[in-house]
Amino acid sequence: MQGTVDGFSYGLVTPVVAFLMACLGAALGLRCTVRSVRSAGSDPARRPHRAGWLALGATSIGSGIWTMHFIAMMGFRIDDAAITYDLPLMFASLAVAIVMVGIGIFIVGYRGATRLALVTGGPITGLGIASMHYLGMAAMAFRGRFAYSTATVTLSVVIAVVAATVALWAAVSLRGFLPSLGAAVVMGAAVCGMHYTGMAALRVHLHPGATGVTGGETVGSILVPLLVGPLAFLLLAGVIVLFDPLAVAGDQGRNGTSGRTGTAARGIPGQRSDSAGTPAFDTARRPPCR
């Protein structure tokens, strides 16, 4: 018996909130990636911090897409069947997302926007997003089973891979805050597009006499930890990024500083600047007194 599915039982509330969460995680993660790439090559003292920024970025993106998925799933209903969730599988999907996205980000973070890095790191990141989605779907339990359209599932994976590759390229290739923000919006939209494309591939088959399930965790019982945990981490990551000017401004912050220094260094012809920036006459150029 085929079940009737409603993916928007709360209207546009869950899709919009899910999209915002995906964009938030992507924005923080991509800015952390930019922070790592921009600073490591110019300041040797900062190179040991590269892995930390990349790990923070991977965890931000993974937490964002995981939270996006389960917020969107709060609007998912199956008529005449109660849904519960397997917590170990839920958190396994979070771990898979962070690890696979981390592998892709580390490749691009250490290699830059080279063709080899993008064609390797982008697909791994996209596959991490898709794996998180379908593993999260496997965490759902009800008196029935899911069936998927192979062609539509393939399309959802392609969307995730292409979008992840483009977002990583834009994040490390384009200069400035707004282009990176645009890359985050593209990635957030693609994650949501991948999610709802995957849901369009779904068919539900109920067992005869299916009236509910026992055991597991209901949506209401996981709502608080679902929101508080990832949101608290994303808030902390946002604070870290905001208090680091280079993570927010990228090259603009560094170039602005260097431009001012260069102007001060040039000074007035025939003069030099001391360590405090105060002009001092160059005695070597002064003619001898007569």
Foldseek 3Di string as FASTA:
>chain_A
DWWDKWQAQVPCPLVVVLLVLLLLLQLLLLLLLLLLQQPVVPDVVCNVCSLVSLLLSLLSNLLSLLLSLLSSCVRMDTPLKAKFFAVVLSVVLSVLLSVQLSVLSVLCSVVPLDPVSLVPSLLSNLVSLLSSLVSRVVRMDIQWDKDFDPVLLVVLSVLSSVLSSVLNNQSRPPAWQVSNSVSSSSNSVSSSVSNVSRVVRIIIDHDPPTRYDDDHHHSVVCVVVSCPVSVVSSVVSVVVQVVDVCSRTPVVVVVVVVVVVVVLQVPDPQWGADPVSDIDGDVVPDDDDD
